[in-house]
Every structure is written in C-alpha cells, then in structure tokens.
Amino acid sequence: MRISIVIPALNEEKLIKGILEQFDTEIRLKYDAEVIVSDGGSSDKTVSMAEAFSDKVVSDKESIIQNISRGRNLGAENSTGDVLVFLNADVLIADPDFFLSEVKKFADNKSVLAMACRIKVFPDEENFGDKLFHSMYNNYVYLLNKFFVGMGRGECQIIKRESFFRAGRYNENVVAGEDFDLFRRLSRMGKVVFRRDLLVYESPRRFRKYGYPRIFFEWTKNAAYVLMFGKSASKKWESIR
C-alpha cells in the first residue's frame, strides 16, 4: 500500500520547508510514500523549495482563481498512492514515524474510509487561549465523527484513494468548509474516525490576526451553509502569510 502526501501551497516559503523536511528520503522509502506539492501560483520561493524537498511539484496552469480545494484535487490527480494524506503547508507532524506507521495500518483496515487528526498550535508559540480553544474544538470534531456527521480539519485529512474519488473529491466551488463538506459525504459512504493519537501542529498565524471568536464564527457559518445550501458562505478565503 503506497502513501501519497499531498500539500497544497501558495506563497509558503516561510513554513513549507518544515513539513517537507519531516518526510525526508529515508522515511519516504521506509513507508513507500511520495510527497506532492500542489502549487496555487506562488510568486515567492515556494516552488523552488518544494522541488528540492518533494517528489513532485504540480501547478495549475489554467487562468482561473485557485483555491485549496482545487489544489488538493490537482495533487490527488497526480498521485499514485492507495492512501491520500492531505496536509497544509503550515503544519508539522508531532511524530512522523508513528504517523506513517499508523497510516499504513489504516490502509489495511477495510472498515474505515477516512481519518481526522488532533490539531494543536506549534508548541513554542502556544498560549493558554490556544490550549483552551483547540481542546474544545478537537473534542467537537471527535463528537461529530462519533455521533453525527463526518468532520476533519483540512490541516490533516487521511483518506483511502478509492473512497476519495468515489465521494467526488473536494468540491472546488466551496472555498471554505471544504474539509467538512468532504468528510460529511464520506461519512454517508462508510466509517470515518477521529484519531487523538495522531497529533499535528499548525501555525497560529490566522488566530493571531483575527482571534478565536471571529474564526469560530466563520467556521460555523461556512459549515452551516455547506449543510443547508451545499456551498460556503465565504466567497474567498484570505491567505495569511
């Protein structure tokens, strides 16, 4: 079972090297994994850095507005793995070796279609507010997966290849809440789970700029629109760099 790690990126020269270095040649060979960076039209050094540290860099050549859904889909289309691991460019894996070993086990598990991960802020930047919010939100994601509808944050989504394409991929017309939208559809097809033991750290840059109340409101509003209308309330998702 091969693993494809798909990382959409747009002007991520400040942070993308961190996640790419975690999946070096040795660990990719150990777990038969490939790393694909899907560039959305970067004007900085993102592409050159990705070319140095990944297996493949793909770019959208069409003259349309790029969004993260399209970037993830493009990466998946150019992948060869039986399992697709979608990671954002501004994240770090707490334990890459354990992470990929569990992805391998997931690949052989016939009963689960997709997995969501626990998300926290980079340890060296984490404050009390970060701990409080992410503790609450991780429990919220857990409960949604266990009792209601599928949910997984886009920072880390792990999906069987066949299930991903059968579910219809990411909806490229949904610019925010696309992660919830896909897991909701996957949950109708089979079992999706939340893994507390798979820990991923993210940059707090968006939280620092807008604060948790505003971001939680935006997430909730977009999720509600996805449920009711099949589209996001937001017309665009601002890049914070």
C-alpha atoms as a PDB file:
ATOM      1  CA  MET A   1       0.000   0.000   0.000  1.00  0.00           C
ATOM      2  CA  ARG A   2       1.574   3.270  -1.118  1.00  0.00           C
ATOM      3  CA  ILE A   3       1.044   6.609   0.672  1.00  0.00           C
ATOM      4  CA  SER A   4       0.692   9.911  -1.179  1.00  0.00           C
ATOM      5  CA  ILE A   5       1.215  13.042   0.918  1.00  0.00           C
ATOM      6  CA  VAL A   6      -0.443  15.987  -0.831  1.00  0.00           C
ATOM      7  CA  ILE A   7       0.448  19.515   0.288  1.00  0.00           C
ATOM      8  CA  PRO A   8      -1.330  22.471  -1.356  1.00  0.00           C
ATOM      9  CA  ALA A   9       0.723  25.655  -1.150  1.00  0.00           C
ATOM     10  CA  LEU A  10       0.566  29.331  -2.051  1.00  0.00           C
ATOM     11  CA  ASN A  11       3.466  31.615  -1.128  1.00  0.00           C
ATOM     12  CA  GLU A  12       4.550  29.401   1.766  1.00  0.00           C
ATOM     13  CA  GLU A  13       8.334  29.927   1.650  1.00  0.00           C
ATOM     14  CA  LYS A  14       8.418  30.773   5.367  1.00  0.00           C
ATOM     15  CA  LEU A  15       6.965  27.493   6.597  1.00  0.00           C
ATOM     16  CA  ILE A  16       6.779  24.786   3.935  1.00  0.00           C
ATOM     17  CA  LYS A  17      10.364  23.608   4.412  1.00  0.00           C
ATOM     18  CA  GLY A  18       9.486  22.422   7.918  1.00  0.00           C
ATOM     19  CA  ILE A  19       6.884  19.878   6.848  1.00  0.00           C
ATOM     20  CA  LEU A  20       8.871  18.786   3.780  1.00  0.00           C
ATOM     21  CA  GLU A  21      11.974  18.068   5.842  1.00  0.00           C
ATOM     22  CA  GLN A  22       9.936  15.813   8.123  1.00  0.00           C
ATOM     23  CA  PHE A  23       9.314  13.485   5.176  1.00  0.00           C
ATOM     24  CA  ASP A  24      12.916  13.040   4.066  1.00  0.00           C
ATOM     25  CA  THR A  25      14.132  10.376   1.636  1.00  0.00           C
ATOM     26  CA  GLU A  26      14.765   7.819   4.368  1.00  0.00           C
ATOM     27  CA  ILE A  27      11.263   7.915   5.845  1.00  0.00           C
ATOM     28  CA  ARG A  28       9.631   8.011   2.405  1.00  0.00           C
ATOM     29  CA  LEU A  29      11.496   4.851   1.396  1.00  0.00           C
ATOM     30  CA  LYS A  30      10.660   3.167   4.700  1.00  0.00           C
ATOM     31  CA  TYR A  31       6.911   3.647   4.237  1.00  0.00           C
ATOM     32  CA  ASP A  32       6.725   3.718   0.419  1.00  0.00           C
ATOM     33  CA  ALA A  33       5.487   7.294   0.488  1.00  0.00           C
ATOM     34  CA  GLU A  34       5.588  10.113  -2.040  1.00  0.00           C
ATOM     35  CA  VAL A  35       5.307  13.839  -1.353  1.00  0.00           C
ATOM     36  CA  ILE A  36       3.449  16.011  -3.847  1.00  0.00           C
ATOM     37  CA  VAL A  37       3.295  19.791  -3.518  1.00  0.00           C
ATOM     38  CA  SER A  38       0.401  21.353  -5.393  1.00  0.00           C
ATOM     39  CA  ASP A  39       1.249  24.992  -6.025  1.00  0.00           C
ATOM     40  CA  GLY A  40      -1.523  27.513  -6.476  1.00  0.00           C
ATOM     41  CA  GLY A  41       0.524  30.164  -8.280  1.00  0.00           C
ATOM     42  CA  SER A  42       3.208  31.185  -5.787  1.00  0.00           C
ATOM     43  CA  SER A  43       5.318  34.256  -6.522  1.00  0.00           C
ATOM     44  CA  ASP A  44       7.949  33.575  -3.835  1.00  0.00           C
ATOM     45  CA  LYS A  45      10.411  30.681  -3.381  1.00  0.00           C
ATOM     46  CA  THR A  46       7.771  28.066  -2.583  1.00  0.00           C
ATOM     47  CA  VAL A  47       8.168  26.144  -5.852  1.00  0.00           C
ATOM     48  CA  SER A  48      11.968  26.009  -5.783  1.00  0.00           C
ATOM     49  CA  MET A  49      11.906  24.840  -2.145  1.00  0.00           C
ATOM     50  CA  ALA A  50       9.291  22.223  -2.969  1.00  0.00           C
ATOM     51  CA  GLU A  51      11.312  20.946  -5.903  1.00  0.00           C
ATOM     52  CA  ALA A  52      14.291  20.447  -3.611  1.00  0.00           C
ATOM     53  CA  PHE A  53      12.432  18.502  -0.909  1.00  0.00           C
ATOM     54  CA  SER A  54       9.485  16.698  -2.561  1.00  0.00           C
ATOM     55  CA  ASP A  55       8.954  14.028  -5.185  1.00  0.00           C
ATOM     56  CA  LYS A  56       6.712  16.061  -7.436  1.00  0.00           C
ATOM     57  CA  VAL A  57       5.501  19.643  -7.816  1.00  0.00           C
ATOM     58  CA  VAL A  58       2.334  20.290  -9.795  1.00  0.00           C
ATOM     59  CA  SER A  59       0.922  23.670 -10.749  1.00  0.00           C
ATOM     60  CA  ASP A  60      -2.446  24.794 -12.012  1.00  0.00           C
ATOM     61  CA  LYS A  61      -1.917  26.250 -15.472  1.00  0.00           C
ATOM     62  CA  GLU A  62      -5.498  27.350 -16.043  1.00  0.00           C
ATOM     63  CA  SER A  63      -6.202  31.055 -15.757  1.00  0.00           C
ATOM     64  CA  ILE A  64      -8.812  30.752 -13.027  1.00  0.00           C
ATOM     65  CA  ILE A  65      -8.875  31.667  -9.356  1.00  0.00           C
ATOM     66  CA  GLN A  66      -7.075  28.940  -7.437  1.00  0.00           C
ATOM     67  CA  ASN A  67      -8.404  27.702  -4.113  1.00  0.00           C
ATOM     68  CA  ILE A  68      -7.288  24.993  -1.693  1.00  0.00           C
ATOM     69  CA  SER A  69      -9.925  22.521  -2.915  1.00  0.00           C
ATOM     70  CA  ARG A  70      -8.601  22.713  -6.453  1.00  0.00           C
ATOM     71  CA  GLY A  71      -5.027  22.465  -5.165  1.00  0.00           C
ATOM     72  CA  ARG A  72      -5.766  19.299  -3.210  1.00  0.00           C
ATOM     73  CA  ASN A  73      -7.640  17.742  -6.118  1.00  0.00           C
ATOM     74  CA  LEU A  74      -4.806  18.507  -8.517  1.00  0.00           C
ATOM     75  CA  GLY A  75      -2.319  16.890  -6.165  1.00  0.00           C
ATOM     76  CA  ALA A  76      -4.527  13.812  -5.800  1.00  0.00           C
ATOM     77  CA  GLU A  77      -4.911  13.502  -9.573  1.00  0.00           C
ATOM     78  CA  ASN A  78      -1.129  13.403  -9.909  1.00  0.00           C
ATOM     79  CA  SER A  79      -0.600  10.922  -7.070  1.00  0.00           C
ATOM     80  CA  THR A  80      -0.080   7.164  -7.161  1.00  0.00           C
ATOM     81  CA  GLY A  81      -0.857   6.218  -3.562  1.00  0.00           C
ATOM     82  CA  ASP A  82      -3.553   3.909  -2.215  1.00  0.00           C
ATOM     83  CA  VAL A  83      -3.957   6.317   0.709  1.00  0.00           C
ATOM     84  CA  LEU A  84      -4.045  10.101   0.340  1.00  0.00           C
ATOM     85  CA  VAL A  85      -2.741  12.231   3.212  1.00  0.00           C
ATOM     86  CA  PHE A  86      -3.727  15.869   2.804  1.00  0.00           C
ATOM     87  CA  LEU A  87      -1.647  18.274   4.895  1.00  0.00           C
ATOM     88  CA  ASN A  88      -1.490  22.055   4.904  1.00  0.00           C
ATOM     89  CA  ALA A  89       1.861  23.703   4.212  1.00  0.00           C
ATOM     90  CA  ASP A  90       1.973  25.396   7.640  1.00  0.00           C
ATOM     91  CA  VAL A  91       1.845  22.254   9.782  1.00  0.00           C
ATOM     92  CA  LEU A  92       4.290  19.886  11.493  1.00  0.00           C
ATOM     93  CA  ILE A  93       3.728  16.261  12.473  1.00  0.00           C
ATOM     94  CA  ALA A  94       4.402  15.517  16.147  1.00  0.00           C
ATOM     95  CA  ASP A  95       5.933  12.105  15.320  1.00  0.00           C
ATOM     96  CA  PRO A  96       6.315  11.438  11.554  1.00  0.00           C
ATOM     97  CA  ASP A  97       7.458   7.832  12.012  1.00  0.00           C
ATOM     98  CA  PHE A  98       4.483   6.906  14.207  1.00  0.00           C
ATOM     99  CA  PHE A  99       2.170   8.902  11.947  1.00  0.00           C
ATOM    100  CA  LEU A 100       3.133   6.992   8.793  1.00  0.00           C
ATOM    101  CA  SER A 101       3.136   3.646  10.570  1.00  0.00           C
ATOM    102  CA  GLU A 102      -0.482   4.280  11.598  1.00  0.00           C
ATOM    103  CA  VAL A 103      -1.374   5.373   8.065  1.00  0.00           C
ATOM    104  CA  LYS A 104      -0.011   2.028   6.854  1.00  0.00           C
ATOM    105  CA  LYS A 105      -2.245   0.190   9.340  1.00  0.00           C
ATOM    106  CA  PHE A 106      -5.198   2.296   8.195  1.00  0.00           C
ATOM    107  CA  ALA A 107      -4.506   1.266   4.604  1.00  0.00           C
ATOM    108  CA  ASP A 108      -5.154  -2.360   5.568  1.00  0.00           C
ATOM    109  CA  ASN A 109      -8.262  -1.579   7.634  1.00  0.00           C
ATOM    110  CA  LYS A 110     -11.245  -2.399   5.428  1.00  0.00           C
ATOM    111  CA  SER A 111     -13.818  -0.855   7.771  1.00  0.00           C
ATOM    112  CA  VAL A 112     -12.571   2.759   7.876  1.00  0.00           C
ATOM    113  CA  LEU A 113     -12.655   5.117   4.884  1.00  0.00           C
ATOM    114  CA  ALA A 114     -11.028   8.221   6.366  1.00  0.00           C
ATOM    115  CA  MET A 115      -9.318   9.592   9.467  1.00  0.00           C
ATOM    116  CA  ALA A 116      -9.100  13.030  11.041  1.00  0.00           C
ATOM    117  CA  CYS A 117      -6.244  14.105  13.333  1.00  0.00           C
ATOM    118  CA  ARG A 118      -5.912  16.076  16.557  1.00  0.00           C
ATOM    119  CA  ILE A 119      -4.694  19.622  15.889  1.00  0.00           C
ATOM    120  CA  LYS A 120      -2.765  21.946  18.189  1.00  0.00           C
ATOM    121  CA  VAL A 121      -0.674  25.104  17.770  1.00  0.00           C
ATOM    122  CA  PHE A 122       3.131  24.928  17.391  1.00  0.00           C
ATOM    123  CA  PRO A 123       4.418  24.148  20.925  1.00  0.00           C
ATOM    124  CA  ASP A 124       6.829  27.086  21.015  1.00  0.00           C
ATOM    125  CA  GLU A 125       4.011  29.526  20.143  1.00  0.00           C
ATOM    126  CA  GLU A 126       1.163  28.010  22.142  1.00  0.00           C
ATOM    127  CA  ASN A 127      -0.542  30.086  24.833  1.00  0.00           C
ATOM    128  CA  PHE A 128      -3.433  29.408  27.200  1.00  0.00           C
ATOM    129  CA  GLY A 129      -6.040  30.592  24.696  1.00  0.00           C
ATOM    130  CA  ASP A 130      -4.645  28.190  22.088  1.00  0.00           C
ATOM    131  CA  LYS A 131      -4.821  25.280  24.527  1.00  0.00           C
ATOM    132  CA  LEU A 132      -8.383  26.103  25.547  1.00  0.00           C
ATOM    133  CA  PHE A 133      -9.720  26.547  22.028  1.00  0.00           C
ATOM    134  CA  HIS A 134      -8.039  23.516  20.489  1.00  0.00           C
ATOM    135  CA  SER A 135      -9.016  21.275  23.374  1.00  0.00           C
ATOM    136  CA  MET A 136     -12.634  22.301  22.857  1.00  0.00           C
ATOM    137  CA  TYR A 137     -12.509  22.046  19.089  1.00  0.00           C
ATOM    138  CA  ASN A 138     -10.768  18.667  18.995  1.00  0.00           C
ATOM    139  CA  ASN A 139     -13.498  17.283  21.271  1.00  0.00           C
ATOM    140  CA  TYR A 140     -16.110  18.845  18.992  1.00  0.00           C
ATOM    141  CA  VAL A 141     -14.589  17.096  15.957  1.00  0.00           C
ATOM    142  CA  TYR A 142     -14.473  13.828  17.887  1.00  0.00           C
ATOM    143  CA  LEU A 143     -18.166  14.052  18.797  1.00  0.00           C
ATOM    144  CA  LEU A 144     -19.217  14.925  15.255  1.00  0.00           C
ATOM    145  CA  ASN A 145     -17.428  11.872  13.901  1.00  0.00           C
ATOM    146  CA  LYS A 146     -18.726   9.543  16.586  1.00  0.00           C
ATOM    147  CA  PHE A 147     -22.380  10.531  16.743  1.00  0.00           C
ATOM    148  CA  PHE A 148     -23.438  12.868  13.947  1.00  0.00           C
ATOM    149  CA  VAL A 149     -21.685  13.628  10.652  1.00  0.00           C
ATOM    150  CA  GLY A 150     -18.099  13.234   9.487  1.00  0.00           C
ATOM    151  CA  MET A 151     -15.683  16.032  10.281  1.00  0.00           C
ATOM    152  CA  GLY A 152     -11.967  16.573   9.822  1.00  0.00           C
ATOM    153  CA  ARG A 153      -9.970  19.769   9.672  1.00  0.00           C
ATOM    154  CA  GLY A 154      -8.081  20.402   6.459  1.00  0.00           C
ATOM    155  CA  GLU A 155      -4.780  20.648   8.295  1.00  0.00           C
ATOM    156  CA  CYS A 156      -4.742  16.826   8.177  1.00  0.00           C
ATOM    157  CA  GLN A 157      -7.148  14.521   6.387  1.00  0.00           C
ATOM    158  CA  ILE A 158      -6.275  10.882   5.629  1.00  0.00           C
ATOM    159  CA  ILE A 159      -8.476   9.177   3.031  1.00  0.00           C
ATOM    160  CA  LYS A 160      -8.483   5.927   1.067  1.00  0.00           C
ATOM    161  CA  ARG A 161      -7.871   6.769  -2.584  1.00  0.00           C
ATOM    162  CA  GLU A 162     -10.853   4.840  -3.884  1.00  0.00           C
ATOM    163  CA  SER A 163     -13.153   6.469  -1.327  1.00  0.00           C
ATOM    164  CA  PHE A 164     -11.828   9.950  -2.127  1.00  0.00           C
ATOM    165  CA  PHE A 165     -12.671   9.711  -5.809  1.00  0.00           C
ATOM    166  CA  ARG A 166     -15.940   7.832  -5.229  1.00  0.00           C
ATOM    167  CA  ALA A 167     -17.059  10.624  -2.865  1.00  0.00           C
ATOM    168  CA  GLY A 168     -16.468  13.168  -5.624  1.00  0.00           C
ATOM    169  CA  ARG A 169     -13.207  14.726  -4.333  1.00  0.00           C
ATOM    170  CA  TYR A 170     -13.130  18.200  -2.764  1.00  0.00           C
ATOM    171  CA  ASN A 171     -15.856  20.496  -4.055  1.00  0.00           C
ATOM    172  CA  GLU A 172     -13.948  23.223  -5.892  1.00  0.00           C
ATOM    173  CA  ASN A 173     -16.918  25.600  -5.570  1.00  0.00           C
ATOM    174  CA  VAL A 174     -16.577  25.502  -1.768  1.00  0.00           C
ATOM    175  CA  VAL A 175     -13.783  27.902  -0.801  1.00  0.00           C
ATOM    176  CA  ALA A 176     -14.194  27.476   2.985  1.00  0.00           C
ATOM    177  CA  GLY A 177     -15.579  24.465   4.813  1.00  0.00           C
ATOM    178  CA  GLU A 178     -14.439  22.172   2.014  1.00  0.00           C
ATOM    179  CA  ASP A 179     -12.846  19.842   4.569  1.00  0.00           C
ATOM    180  CA  PHE A 180     -16.137  19.409   6.456  1.00  0.00           C
ATOM    181  CA  ASP A 181     -18.044  19.017   3.193  1.00  0.00           C
ATOM    182  CA  LEU A 182     -15.878  16.111   2.032  1.00  0.00           C
ATOM    183  CA  PHE A 183     -15.928  14.255   5.360  1.00  0.00           C
ATOM    184  CA  ARG A 184     -19.697  14.699   5.539  1.00  0.00           C
ATOM    185  CA  ARG A 185     -20.011  12.929   2.182  1.00  0.00           C
ATOM    186  CA  LEU A 186     -17.518  10.244   3.190  1.00  0.00           C
ATOM    187  CA  SER A 187     -19.470   9.531   6.380  1.00  0.00           C
ATOM    188  CA  ARG A 188     -22.501   8.661   4.267  1.00  0.00           C
ATOM    189  CA  MET A 189     -20.440   6.027   2.471  1.00  0.00           C
ATOM    190  CA  GLY A 190     -18.820   4.373   5.485  1.00  0.00           C
ATOM    191  CA  LYS A 191     -16.902   4.891   8.693  1.00  0.00           C
ATOM    192  CA  VAL A 192     -14.755   7.968   9.378  1.00  0.00           C
ATOM    193  CA  VAL A 193     -12.843   8.323  12.640  1.00  0.00           C
ATOM    194  CA  PHE A 194     -11.043  10.915  14.741  1.00  0.00           C
ATOM    195  CA  ARG A 195      -7.584   9.864  15.954  1.00  0.00           C
ATOM    196  CA  ARG A 196      -6.445  11.613  19.133  1.00  0.00           C
ATOM    197  CA  ASP A 197      -3.082   9.858  18.964  1.00  0.00           C
ATOM    198  CA  LEU A 198      -2.217  11.387  15.580  1.00  0.00           C
ATOM    199  CA  LEU A 199      -1.119  14.882  16.551  1.00  0.00           C
ATOM    200  CA  VAL A 200      -0.472  17.664  14.059  1.00  0.00           C
ATOM    201  CA  TYR A 201       0.765  21.145  14.951  1.00  0.00           C
ATOM    202  CA  GLU A 202      -0.324  24.197  12.971  1.00  0.00           C
ATOM    203  CA  SER A 203       0.843  27.787  12.712  1.00  0.00           C
ATOM    204  CA  PRO A 204      -1.260  30.165  14.829  1.00  0.00           C
ATOM    205  CA  ARG A 205      -0.912  32.992  12.300  1.00  0.00           C
ATOM    206  CA  ARG A 206      -4.622  33.170  11.401  1.00  0.00           C
ATOM    207  CA  PHE A 207      -5.693  33.002  15.041  1.00  0.00           C
ATOM    208  CA  ARG A 208      -3.253  35.763  15.946  1.00  0.00           C
ATOM    209  CA  LYS A 209      -4.580  38.072  13.239  1.00  0.00           C
ATOM    210  CA  TYR A 210      -8.316  37.593  13.730  1.00  0.00           C
ATOM    211  CA  GLY A 211      -8.781  35.986  17.141  1.00  0.00           C
ATOM    212  CA  TYR A 212     -10.676  32.825  18.018  1.00  0.00           C
ATOM    213  CA  PRO A 213     -14.214  34.286  18.305  1.00  0.00           C
ATOM    214  CA  ARG A 214     -14.186  35.602  14.728  1.00  0.00           C
ATOM    215  CA  ILE A 215     -12.602  32.453  13.296  1.00  0.00           C
ATOM    216  CA  PHE A 216     -15.004  30.148  15.138  1.00  0.00           C
ATOM    217  CA  PHE A 217     -17.910  32.222  13.829  1.00  0.00           C
ATOM    218  CA  GLU A 218     -16.595  31.981  10.250  1.00  0.00           C
ATOM    219  CA  TRP A 219     -16.051  28.227  10.527  1.00  0.00           C
ATOM    220  CA  THR A 220     -19.536  27.703  11.948  1.00  0.00           C
ATOM    221  CA  LYS A 221     -21.182  29.916   9.349  1.00  0.00           C
ATOM    222  CA  ASN A 222     -19.480  28.139   6.466  1.00  0.00           C
ATOM    223  CA  ALA A 223     -20.320  24.701   7.896  1.00  0.00           C
ATOM    224  CA  ALA A 224     -23.975  25.724   8.208  1.00  0.00           C
ATOM    225  CA  TYR A 225     -24.026  26.927   4.600  1.00  0.00           C
ATOM    226  CA  VAL A 226     -22.483  23.664   3.435  1.00  0.00           C
ATOM    227  CA  LEU A 227     -25.182  21.690   5.274  1.00  0.00           C
ATOM    228  CA  MET A 228     -28.088  23.824   4.088  1.00  0.00           C
ATOM    229  CA  PHE A 229     -27.040  25.001   0.632  1.00  0.00           C
ATOM    230  CA  GLY A 230     -24.084  22.845  -0.439  1.00  0.00           C
ATOM    231  CA  LYS A 231     -21.808  25.876  -0.716  1.00  0.00           C
ATOM    232  CA  SER A 232     -19.737  28.122   1.531  1.00  0.00           C
ATOM    233  CA  ALA A 233     -20.854  31.486   2.844  1.00  0.00           C
ATOM    234  CA  SER A 234     -17.390  32.947   2.177  1.00  0.00           C
ATOM    235  CA  LYS A 235     -16.619  33.953  -1.413  1.00  0.00           C
ATOM    236  CA  LYS A 236     -12.872  33.696  -0.804  1.00  0.00           C
ATOM    237  CA  TRP A 237     -10.533  32.562   1.976  1.00  0.00           C
ATOM    238  CA  GLU A 238      -7.859  35.114   2.743  1.00  0.00           C
ATOM    239  CA  SER A 239      -4.247  33.915   2.731  1.00  0.00           C
ATOM    240  CA  ILE A 240      -2.364  34.885   5.894  1.00  0.00           C
ATOM    241  CA  ARG A 241       1.392  34.893   5.389  1.00  0.00           C
END
